[in-house]
Amino acid sequence: MGRLIFITGGARSGKSSFGLNLAKSIKKRKLFIATCAPEDEEMKKRVTLHRQNRPSSWRTIEEKRELLSILKKETKSDVVIIIDCLTLFISSLLMARQKENAIKNEIERIVKVIKQGKATVIIISNELGLDLVPENKLGRSFRDIAGLCNQIVAASAKEVYFMVSGIPIKIKSR
C-alpha cells in the first residue's frame, strides 16, 4: 500500500525545501515530478533554481497536466515521488477549461492510484485559503478548487505538514 505525505503552507514558507529534505531521509530511489511549465523569464529562473537544489541523481519528469498517467506507471515500484506542486497542476487543468468537478475527480483518481501503489509520494501544495479574497471570478474559482483538492489529499494522507516561516508543523499522523 502506498504512503502519501502532504505538505502545505503559504508562498515561500519552505514547503519545497522541507519536501526535498524529507525525501532525502527516505532510503529509496527518487523521482521528482515538476508541474510547472514556465512561461516567462522570472518563472524560468525559479525553475532553474529548483533544479539546482535537487540532487542530480534524482530522476525528474516535468509535466503540467498528465500527472495521473505518470503515477499509474511510477507508483508500481518502491520509490519516493515528490510532486511539486499540486496548485500549479490544478491551475493548468483550470486554464485548460476543466470544471471544478472534473478537477476534483482527477485528484481523487490520483490519490487512489497512490494508495494502491508501492511508492511513498510527497505532494506539495499551496494553502490559498489564508489570503485575501481574489478580486476576479477566475481567481476565486482557483482558490476554491485548490482548497477542495487540498482537503481531498489531506484526508487520505498518512502525514500532513503545515509550513510556517520555514518551520514544519505536523498536523496529522496515522
N, C-alpha and C. Protein backbone atom coordinates (compact mmCIF):
# COMPACT_ATOMS: atom_id res chain seq x y z
N MET A 1 0.84 -1.18 0.00
CA MET A 1 0.00 0.00 0.00
C MET A 1 0.89 1.25 0.00
N GLY A 2 0.56 2.20 -0.84
CA GLY A 2 1.33 3.42 -0.95
C GLY A 2 1.20 4.32 0.27
N ARG A 3 2.22 5.13 0.46
CA ARG A 3 2.24 6.08 1.57
C ARG A 3 2.18 7.49 1.00
N LEU A 4 1.21 8.27 1.45
CA LEU A 4 1.02 9.63 0.97
C LEU A 4 1.34 10.61 2.10
N ILE A 5 2.24 11.56 1.78
CA ILE A 5 2.61 12.63 2.70
C ILE A 5 2.24 13.94 2.02
N PHE A 6 1.56 14.81 2.74
CA PHE A 6 1.08 16.08 2.19
C PHE A 6 1.74 17.23 2.93
N ILE A 7 2.30 18.17 2.16
CA ILE A 7 2.94 19.36 2.73
C ILE A 7 2.25 20.58 2.14
N THR A 8 1.73 21.43 3.01
CA THR A 8 1.05 22.64 2.54
C THR A 8 1.55 23.84 3.34
N GLY A 9 1.26 25.00 2.84
CA GLY A 9 1.67 26.24 3.50
C GLY A 9 1.62 27.37 2.49
N GLY A 10 1.93 28.55 2.93
CA GLY A 10 1.90 29.73 2.07
C GLY A 10 3.08 29.79 1.13
N ALA A 11 3.05 30.79 0.26
CA ALA A 11 4.15 31.02 -0.67
C ALA A 11 5.42 31.30 0.11
N ARG A 12 6.52 30.69 -0.33
CA ARG A 12 7.85 30.89 0.26
C ARG A 12 7.91 30.50 1.74
N SER A 13 7.07 29.54 2.12
CA SER A 13 7.05 29.11 3.52
C SER A 13 8.06 27.99 3.80
N GLY A 14 8.71 27.48 2.76
CA GLY A 14 9.69 26.41 2.93
C GLY A 14 9.18 25.03 2.58
N LYS A 15 8.04 24.97 1.89
CA LYS A 15 7.43 23.68 1.55
C LYS A 15 8.37 22.80 0.71
N SER A 16 8.90 23.36 -0.35
CA SER A 16 9.74 22.57 -1.26
C SER A 16 11.02 22.10 -0.57
N SER A 17 11.67 22.97 0.17
CA SER A 17 12.90 22.58 0.88
C SER A 17 12.62 21.47 1.88
N PHE A 18 11.52 21.60 2.61
CA PHE A 18 11.16 20.58 3.58
C PHE A 18 10.86 19.26 2.86
N GLY A 19 10.13 19.33 1.76
CA GLY A 19 9.81 18.13 1.00
C GLY A 19 11.06 17.44 0.47
N LEU A 20 12.02 18.21 -0.04
CA LEU A 20 13.27 17.65 -0.53
C LEU A 20 14.04 16.96 0.60
N ASN A 21 14.13 17.62 1.74
CA ASN A 21 14.85 17.04 2.88
C ASN A 21 14.15 15.79 3.41
N LEU A 22 12.84 15.81 3.42
CA LEU A 22 12.09 14.64 3.84
C LEU A 22 12.36 13.47 2.90
N ALA A 23 12.34 13.74 1.61
CA ALA A 23 12.61 12.70 0.62
C ALA A 23 14.02 12.15 0.77
N LYS A 24 14.99 13.04 1.00
CA LYS A 24 16.39 12.61 1.18
C LYS A 24 16.54 11.66 2.35
N SER A 25 15.70 11.81 3.37
CA SER A 25 15.80 10.97 4.57
C SER A 25 15.24 9.56 4.35
N ILE A 26 14.56 9.35 3.24
CA ILE A 26 13.99 8.04 2.94
C ILE A 26 14.93 7.34 1.97
N LYS A 27 15.42 6.20 2.36
CA LYS A 27 16.45 5.49 1.59
C LYS A 27 15.84 4.69 0.44
N LYS A 28 15.40 5.40 -0.58
CA LYS A 28 14.84 4.79 -1.78
C LYS A 28 15.22 5.66 -2.97
N ARG A 29 15.06 5.12 -4.17
CA ARG A 29 15.27 5.93 -5.38
C ARG A 29 14.29 7.09 -5.36
N LYS A 30 14.66 8.20 -6.02
CA LYS A 30 13.84 9.40 -6.01
C LYS A 30 13.38 9.78 -7.41
N LEU A 31 12.13 10.21 -7.48
CA LEU A 31 11.56 10.77 -8.70
C LEU A 31 10.90 12.09 -8.33
N PHE A 32 11.28 13.12 -9.04
CA PHE A 32 10.70 14.45 -8.82
C PHE A 32 9.80 14.77 -10.00
N ILE A 33 8.53 15.05 -9.72
CA ILE A 33 7.59 15.44 -10.78
C ILE A 33 7.30 16.93 -10.60
N ALA A 34 7.77 17.70 -11.56
CA ALA A 34 7.57 19.16 -11.55
C ALA A 34 6.37 19.48 -12.41
N THR A 35 5.41 20.20 -11.85
CA THR A 35 4.18 20.52 -12.58
C THR A 35 4.19 21.92 -13.18
N CYS A 36 5.30 22.61 -13.05
CA CYS A 36 5.39 23.98 -13.56
C CYS A 36 5.90 23.98 -15.00
N ALA A 37 5.19 24.65 -15.86
CA ALA A 37 5.65 24.90 -17.23
C ALA A 37 5.91 26.40 -17.32
N PRO A 38 7.15 26.82 -17.10
CA PRO A 38 7.43 28.26 -17.04
C PRO A 38 7.14 28.96 -18.36
N GLU A 39 6.42 30.06 -18.26
CA GLU A 39 6.03 30.78 -19.47
C GLU A 39 6.59 32.19 -19.53
N ASP A 40 7.37 32.57 -18.51
CA ASP A 40 8.02 33.88 -18.55
C ASP A 40 9.42 33.74 -17.94
N GLU A 41 10.23 34.76 -18.09
CA GLU A 41 11.63 34.70 -17.65
C GLU A 41 11.75 34.52 -16.14
N GLU A 42 10.92 35.18 -15.38
CA GLU A 42 11.00 35.07 -13.93
C GLU A 42 10.73 33.64 -13.48
N MET A 43 9.71 33.00 -14.06
CA MET A 43 9.40 31.61 -13.69
C MET A 43 10.50 30.67 -14.18
N LYS A 44 11.09 30.94 -15.33
CA LYS A 44 12.20 30.12 -15.81
C LYS A 44 13.37 30.16 -14.82
N LYS A 45 13.64 31.32 -14.25
CA LYS A 45 14.70 31.45 -13.26
C LYS A 45 14.37 30.66 -11.99
N ARG A 46 13.10 30.71 -11.58
CA ARG A 46 12.68 29.94 -10.40
C ARG A 46 12.85 28.44 -10.64
N VAL A 47 12.45 27.98 -11.82
CA VAL A 47 12.57 26.56 -12.15
C VAL A 47 14.04 26.15 -12.17
N THR A 48 14.89 26.98 -12.72
CA THR A 48 16.33 26.70 -12.75
C THR A 48 16.88 26.57 -11.33
N LEU A 49 16.47 27.46 -10.45
CA LEU A 49 16.91 27.41 -9.06
C LEU A 49 16.43 26.12 -8.38
N HIS A 50 15.17 25.74 -8.63
CA HIS A 50 14.64 24.50 -8.06
C HIS A 50 15.44 23.30 -8.56
N ARG A 51 15.76 23.28 -9.85
CA ARG A 51 16.56 22.18 -10.41
C ARG A 51 17.92 22.08 -9.72
N GLN A 52 18.54 23.23 -9.48
CA GLN A 52 19.86 23.26 -8.86
C GLN A 52 19.82 22.76 -7.41
N ASN A 53 18.68 22.89 -6.76
CA ASN A 53 18.54 22.45 -5.38
C ASN A 53 18.29 20.95 -5.23
N ARG A 54 18.01 20.27 -6.34
CA ARG A 54 17.78 18.82 -6.31
C ARG A 54 19.07 18.08 -6.64
N PRO A 55 19.31 16.96 -5.98
CA PRO A 55 20.47 16.15 -6.35
C PRO A 55 20.35 15.69 -7.81
N SER A 56 21.47 15.69 -8.51
CA SER A 56 21.46 15.32 -9.93
C SER A 56 21.12 13.84 -10.14
N SER A 57 21.24 13.05 -9.08
CA SER A 57 20.93 11.62 -9.19
C SER A 57 19.43 11.34 -9.22
N TRP A 58 18.64 12.34 -8.87
CA TRP A 58 17.19 12.15 -8.87
C TRP A 58 16.67 12.26 -10.29
N ARG A 59 15.78 11.36 -10.65
CA ARG A 59 15.12 11.45 -11.95
C ARG A 59 14.05 12.53 -11.86
N THR A 60 13.90 13.32 -12.92
CA THR A 60 12.90 14.39 -12.94
C THR A 60 12.02 14.24 -14.16
N ILE A 61 10.73 14.41 -13.94
CA ILE A 61 9.75 14.47 -15.03
C ILE A 61 9.05 15.82 -14.90
N GLU A 62 9.02 16.57 -15.97
CA GLU A 62 8.30 17.84 -15.99
C GLU A 62 7.03 17.65 -16.78
N GLU A 63 5.90 17.79 -16.08
CA GLU A 63 4.60 17.54 -16.72
C GLU A 63 3.54 18.36 -16.01
N LYS A 64 2.84 19.17 -16.76
CA LYS A 64 1.86 20.05 -16.10
C LYS A 64 0.43 19.51 -16.09
N ARG A 65 0.12 18.50 -16.91
CA ARG A 65 -1.28 18.02 -16.95
C ARG A 65 -1.47 16.51 -16.82
N GLU A 66 -0.53 15.71 -17.24
CA GLU A 66 -0.73 14.25 -17.29
C GLU A 66 -0.17 13.53 -16.07
N LEU A 67 -0.45 14.07 -14.92
CA LEU A 67 0.05 13.51 -13.67
C LEU A 67 -0.47 12.10 -13.41
N LEU A 68 -1.73 11.87 -13.67
CA LEU A 68 -2.33 10.56 -13.39
C LEU A 68 -1.65 9.45 -14.19
N SER A 69 -1.42 9.67 -15.46
CA SER A 69 -0.79 8.61 -16.28
C SER A 69 0.63 8.33 -15.81
N ILE A 70 1.36 9.36 -15.39
CA ILE A 70 2.71 9.15 -14.86
C ILE A 70 2.65 8.33 -13.57
N LEU A 71 1.74 8.69 -12.68
CA LEU A 71 1.64 8.00 -11.40
C LEU A 71 1.18 6.55 -11.56
N LYS A 72 0.34 6.27 -12.52
CA LYS A 72 -0.09 4.88 -12.75
C LYS A 72 1.11 3.99 -13.02
N LYS A 73 2.08 4.51 -13.70
CA LYS A 73 3.30 3.75 -14.02
C LYS A 73 4.30 3.78 -12.86
N GLU A 74 4.57 4.95 -12.34
CA GLU A 74 5.68 5.13 -11.40
C GLU A 74 5.39 4.63 -9.99
N THR A 75 4.14 4.58 -9.57
CA THR A 75 3.82 4.13 -8.20
C THR A 75 3.87 2.61 -8.06
N LYS A 76 4.12 1.90 -9.16
CA LYS A 76 4.21 0.43 -9.09
C LYS A 76 5.50 -0.03 -8.42
N SER A 77 6.49 0.85 -8.32
CA SER A 77 7.75 0.47 -7.69
C SER A 77 7.91 1.17 -6.34
N ASP A 78 8.82 0.64 -5.53
CA ASP A 78 9.08 1.16 -4.20
C ASP A 78 10.07 2.32 -4.31
N VAL A 79 9.55 3.49 -4.59
CA VAL A 79 10.33 4.68 -4.87
C VAL A 79 9.72 5.85 -4.10
N VAL A 80 10.48 6.92 -3.92
CA VAL A 80 9.93 8.15 -3.35
C VAL A 80 9.63 9.09 -4.51
N ILE A 81 8.41 9.57 -4.57
CA ILE A 81 7.99 10.50 -5.61
C ILE A 81 7.60 11.81 -4.95
N ILE A 82 8.17 12.89 -5.44
CA ILE A 82 7.79 14.23 -4.96
C ILE A 82 7.02 14.91 -6.08
N ILE A 83 5.85 15.42 -5.76
CA ILE A 83 5.05 16.20 -6.72
C ILE A 83 5.07 17.64 -6.23
N ASP A 84 5.67 18.50 -7.03
CA ASP A 84 5.79 19.91 -6.65
C ASP A 84 5.36 20.76 -7.84
N CYS A 85 4.19 21.35 -7.85
CA CYS A 85 3.25 21.34 -6.76
C CYS A 85 1.83 21.11 -7.29
N LEU A 86 0.97 20.73 -6.37
CA LEU A 86 -0.42 20.43 -6.71
C LEU A 86 -1.16 21.66 -7.22
N THR A 87 -0.90 22.82 -6.64
CA THR A 87 -1.64 24.01 -7.07
C THR A 87 -1.30 24.43 -8.50
N LEU A 88 -0.05 24.24 -8.92
CA LEU A 88 0.28 24.53 -10.32
C LEU A 88 -0.40 23.53 -11.25
N PHE A 89 -0.48 22.27 -10.82
CA PHE A 89 -1.20 21.26 -11.59
C PHE A 89 -2.67 21.64 -11.74
N ILE A 90 -3.30 22.04 -10.63
CA ILE A 90 -4.70 22.45 -10.66
C ILE A 90 -4.88 23.67 -11.56
N SER A 91 -3.96 24.60 -11.48
CA SER A 91 -4.01 25.79 -12.33
C SER A 91 -3.97 25.41 -13.81
N SER A 92 -3.11 24.47 -14.17
CA SER A 92 -3.04 24.01 -15.57
C SER A 92 -4.35 23.39 -16.03
N LEU A 93 -4.97 22.60 -15.15
CA LEU A 93 -6.26 21.99 -15.52
C LEU A 93 -7.33 23.07 -15.66
N LEU A 94 -7.33 24.02 -14.77
CA LEU A 94 -8.31 25.10 -14.83
C LEU A 94 -8.12 25.95 -16.09
N MET A 95 -6.89 26.23 -16.44
CA MET A 95 -6.62 27.01 -17.65
C MET A 95 -6.94 26.23 -18.93
N ALA A 96 -6.99 24.89 -18.81
CA ALA A 96 -7.42 24.05 -19.93
C ALA A 96 -8.94 23.91 -19.95
N ARG A 97 -9.59 24.75 -19.15
CA ARG A 97 -11.05 24.86 -19.09
C ARG A 97 -11.76 23.65 -18.48
N GLN A 98 -11.04 22.91 -17.62
CA GLN A 98 -11.70 21.84 -16.90
C GLN A 98 -12.52 22.45 -15.77
N LYS A 99 -13.64 21.85 -15.51
CA LYS A 99 -14.56 22.34 -14.47
C LYS A 99 -14.18 21.77 -13.10
N GLU A 100 -14.73 22.38 -12.06
CA GLU A 100 -14.42 22.00 -10.69
C GLU A 100 -14.58 20.51 -10.44
N ASN A 101 -15.71 19.92 -10.83
CA ASN A 101 -15.94 18.50 -10.57
C ASN A 101 -14.94 17.62 -11.29
N ALA A 102 -14.59 17.98 -12.50
CA ALA A 102 -13.61 17.20 -13.26
C ALA A 102 -12.24 17.26 -12.57
N ILE A 103 -11.87 18.42 -12.07
CA ILE A 103 -10.58 18.57 -11.39
C ILE A 103 -10.58 17.78 -10.08
N LYS A 104 -11.65 17.89 -9.30
CA LYS A 104 -11.75 17.12 -8.05
C LYS A 104 -11.70 15.62 -8.34
N ASN A 105 -12.39 15.18 -9.38
CA ASN A 105 -12.36 13.76 -9.75
C ASN A 105 -10.95 13.31 -10.13
N GLU A 106 -10.21 14.17 -10.83
CA GLU A 106 -8.83 13.85 -11.20
C GLU A 106 -7.96 13.69 -9.94
N ILE A 107 -8.14 14.56 -8.99
CA ILE A 107 -7.37 14.48 -7.74
C ILE A 107 -7.74 13.21 -6.98
N GLU A 108 -9.01 12.87 -6.95
CA GLU A 108 -9.45 11.63 -6.29
C GLU A 108 -8.84 10.41 -6.96
N ARG A 109 -8.76 10.40 -8.29
CA ARG A 109 -8.14 9.29 -9.02
C ARG A 109 -6.64 9.22 -8.71
N ILE A 110 -6.00 10.37 -8.63
CA ILE A 110 -4.57 10.41 -8.29
C ILE A 110 -4.33 9.82 -6.91
N VAL A 111 -5.12 10.23 -5.93
CA VAL A 111 -4.98 9.71 -4.58
C VAL A 111 -5.21 8.19 -4.56
N LYS A 112 -6.18 7.72 -5.28
CA LYS A 112 -6.47 6.28 -5.33
C LYS A 112 -5.28 5.51 -5.90
N VAL A 113 -4.70 6.01 -6.98
CA VAL A 113 -3.54 5.35 -7.60
C VAL A 113 -2.37 5.32 -6.62
N ILE A 114 -2.15 6.41 -5.91
CA ILE A 114 -1.06 6.46 -4.92
C ILE A 114 -1.30 5.42 -3.84
N LYS A 115 -2.50 5.35 -3.30
CA LYS A 115 -2.80 4.43 -2.21
C LYS A 115 -2.68 2.97 -2.65
N GLN A 116 -2.97 2.69 -3.93
CA GLN A 116 -2.90 1.33 -4.43
C GLN A 116 -1.48 0.91 -4.82
N GLY A 117 -0.58 1.88 -4.92
CA GLY A 117 0.78 1.59 -5.36
C GLY A 117 1.70 1.21 -4.23
N LYS A 118 3.00 1.17 -4.54
CA LYS A 118 4.04 0.82 -3.57
C LYS A 118 4.88 2.02 -3.15
N ALA A 119 4.73 3.13 -3.84
CA ALA A 119 5.60 4.29 -3.65
C ALA A 119 5.22 5.11 -2.42
N THR A 120 6.20 5.85 -1.93
CA THR A 120 5.96 6.91 -0.97
C THR A 120 5.86 8.18 -1.80
N VAL A 121 4.74 8.87 -1.71
CA VAL A 121 4.51 10.07 -2.53
C VAL A 121 4.35 11.27 -1.61
N ILE A 122 5.16 12.28 -1.88
CA ILE A 122 5.11 13.54 -1.15
C ILE A 122 4.49 14.58 -2.07
N ILE A 123 3.32 15.07 -1.70
CA ILE A 123 2.65 16.09 -2.50
C ILE A 123 2.79 17.43 -1.79
N ILE A 124 3.26 18.42 -2.54
CA ILE A 124 3.44 19.77 -2.03
C ILE A 124 2.37 20.66 -2.67
N SER A 125 1.71 21.48 -1.86
CA SER A 125 0.64 22.33 -2.36
C SER A 125 0.57 23.63 -1.57
N ASN A 126 0.16 24.67 -2.21
CA ASN A 126 -0.02 25.96 -1.54
C ASN A 126 -1.35 25.99 -0.80
N GLU A 127 -1.32 26.57 0.39
CA GLU A 127 -2.54 26.85 1.14
C GLU A 127 -2.97 28.25 0.75
N LEU A 128 -4.07 28.35 0.02
CA LEU A 128 -4.52 29.63 -0.50
C LEU A 128 -5.64 30.26 0.31
N GLY A 129 -6.19 29.52 1.24
CA GLY A 129 -7.35 30.00 1.98
C GLY A 129 -7.06 31.02 3.05
N LEU A 130 -5.79 31.33 3.30
CA LEU A 130 -5.45 32.29 4.34
C LEU A 130 -5.20 33.69 3.78
N ASP A 131 -5.36 33.83 2.49
CA ASP A 131 -5.04 35.09 1.82
C ASP A 131 -6.30 35.93 1.62
N LEU A 132 -6.14 37.05 0.96
CA LEU A 132 -7.27 37.91 0.60
C LEU A 132 -8.18 37.21 -0.39
N VAL A 133 -9.43 37.61 -0.44
CA VAL A 133 -10.35 37.08 -1.43
C VAL A 133 -9.95 37.67 -2.79
N PRO A 134 -9.68 36.80 -3.78
CA PRO A 134 -9.30 37.32 -5.10
C PRO A 134 -10.37 38.23 -5.67
N GLU A 135 -9.95 39.21 -6.45
CA GLU A 135 -10.88 40.21 -6.96
C GLU A 135 -11.66 39.76 -8.19
N ASN A 136 -11.24 38.65 -8.83
CA ASN A 136 -11.98 38.21 -10.02
C ASN A 136 -12.46 36.78 -9.88
N LYS A 137 -13.42 36.41 -10.73
CA LYS A 137 -14.06 35.10 -10.66
C LYS A 137 -13.07 33.95 -10.85
N LEU A 138 -12.15 34.09 -11.82
CA LEU A 138 -11.17 33.03 -12.06
C LEU A 138 -10.29 32.82 -10.82
N GLY A 139 -9.85 33.90 -10.21
CA GLY A 139 -9.04 33.80 -9.01
C GLY A 139 -9.77 33.13 -7.86
N ARG A 140 -11.04 33.50 -7.69
CA ARG A 140 -11.84 32.88 -6.62
C ARG A 140 -12.09 31.40 -6.91
N SER A 141 -12.36 31.07 -8.17
CA SER A 141 -12.55 29.66 -8.55
C SER A 141 -11.30 28.85 -8.27
N PHE A 142 -10.15 29.39 -8.66
CA PHE A 142 -8.88 28.70 -8.43
C PHE A 142 -8.66 28.47 -6.94
N ARG A 143 -8.85 29.51 -6.14
CA ARG A 143 -8.67 29.37 -4.69
C ARG A 143 -9.59 28.30 -4.12
N ASP A 144 -10.86 28.33 -4.53
CA ASP A 144 -11.84 27.38 -4.01
C ASP A 144 -11.53 25.95 -4.43
N ILE A 145 -11.21 25.75 -5.70
CA ILE A 145 -10.89 24.40 -6.20
C ILE A 145 -9.62 23.88 -5.52
N ALA A 146 -8.61 24.72 -5.41
CA ALA A 146 -7.37 24.30 -4.75
C ALA A 146 -7.65 23.90 -3.30
N GLY A 147 -8.47 24.66 -2.60
CA GLY A 147 -8.83 24.32 -1.23
C GLY A 147 -9.53 22.98 -1.12
N LEU A 148 -10.47 22.73 -2.03
CA LEU A 148 -11.18 21.45 -2.02
C LEU A 148 -10.24 20.29 -2.34
N CYS A 149 -9.36 20.50 -3.30
CA CYS A 149 -8.41 19.44 -3.67
C CYS A 149 -7.41 19.18 -2.55
N ASN A 150 -6.96 20.24 -1.88
CA ASN A 150 -6.08 20.06 -0.73
C ASN A 150 -6.77 19.22 0.35
N GLN A 151 -8.06 19.44 0.54
CA GLN A 151 -8.81 18.65 1.53
C GLN A 151 -8.85 17.18 1.14
N ILE A 152 -9.03 16.90 -0.14
CA ILE A 152 -9.07 15.51 -0.63
C ILE A 152 -7.74 14.82 -0.34
N VAL A 153 -6.64 15.50 -0.67
CA VAL A 153 -5.32 14.91 -0.46
C VAL A 153 -5.04 14.75 1.04
N ALA A 154 -5.31 15.78 1.82
CA ALA A 154 -5.03 15.73 3.26
C ALA A 154 -5.83 14.62 3.95
N ALA A 155 -7.06 14.42 3.52
CA ALA A 155 -7.89 13.38 4.14
C ALA A 155 -7.30 11.99 3.94
N SER A 156 -6.62 11.77 2.82
CA SER A 156 -6.06 10.45 2.51
C SER A 156 -4.61 10.29 2.95
N ALA A 157 -3.96 11.39 3.28
CA ALA A 157 -2.54 11.34 3.63
C ALA A 157 -2.33 10.70 5.00
N LYS A 158 -1.21 9.98 5.13
CA LYS A 158 -0.82 9.43 6.42
C LYS A 158 -0.19 10.50 7.30
N GLU A 159 0.48 11.47 6.65
CA GLU A 159 1.11 12.58 7.37
C GLU A 159 0.77 13.87 6.64
N VAL A 160 0.49 14.92 7.40
CA VAL A 160 0.25 16.24 6.83
C VAL A 160 1.08 17.25 7.62
N TYR A 161 1.81 18.08 6.88
CA TYR A 161 2.62 19.13 7.48
C TYR A 161 2.14 20.49 6.98
N PHE A 162 2.11 21.46 7.89
CA PHE A 162 1.81 22.84 7.54
C PHE A 162 3.09 23.63 7.78
N MET A 163 3.56 24.32 6.75
CA MET A 163 4.80 25.08 6.85
C MET A 163 4.51 26.54 7.20
N VAL A 164 5.24 27.05 8.19
CA VAL A 164 5.12 28.45 8.60
C VAL A 164 6.54 28.99 8.76
N SER A 165 6.91 29.95 7.91
CA SER A 165 8.22 30.60 8.01
C SER A 165 9.37 29.60 8.11
N GLY A 166 9.29 28.55 7.29
CA GLY A 166 10.35 27.55 7.26
C GLY A 166 10.27 26.50 8.35
N ILE A 167 9.24 26.56 9.16
CA ILE A 167 9.09 25.61 10.27
C ILE A 167 7.94 24.65 9.96
N PRO A 168 8.22 23.35 9.91
CA PRO A 168 7.14 22.39 9.67
C PRO A 168 6.37 22.09 10.95
N ILE A 169 5.07 22.14 10.82
CA ILE A 169 4.20 21.76 11.93
C ILE A 169 3.43 20.52 11.48
N LYS A 170 3.65 19.42 12.16
CA LYS A 170 2.95 18.18 11.81
C LYS A 170 1.53 18.28 12.34
N ILE A 171 0.56 18.24 11.43
CA ILE A 171 -0.84 18.40 11.86
C ILE A 171 -1.64 17.11 11.75
N LYS A 172 -1.00 16.07 11.15
CA LYS A 172 -1.68 14.78 11.07
C LYS A 172 -0.63 13.68 10.97
N SER A 173 -0.87 12.60 11.70
CA SER A 173 -0.02 11.42 11.64
C SER A 173 -0.87 10.21 11.99
N ARG A 174 -0.82 9.22 11.10
CA ARG A 174 -1.54 7.97 11.41
C ARG A 174 -0.84 6.81 10.79
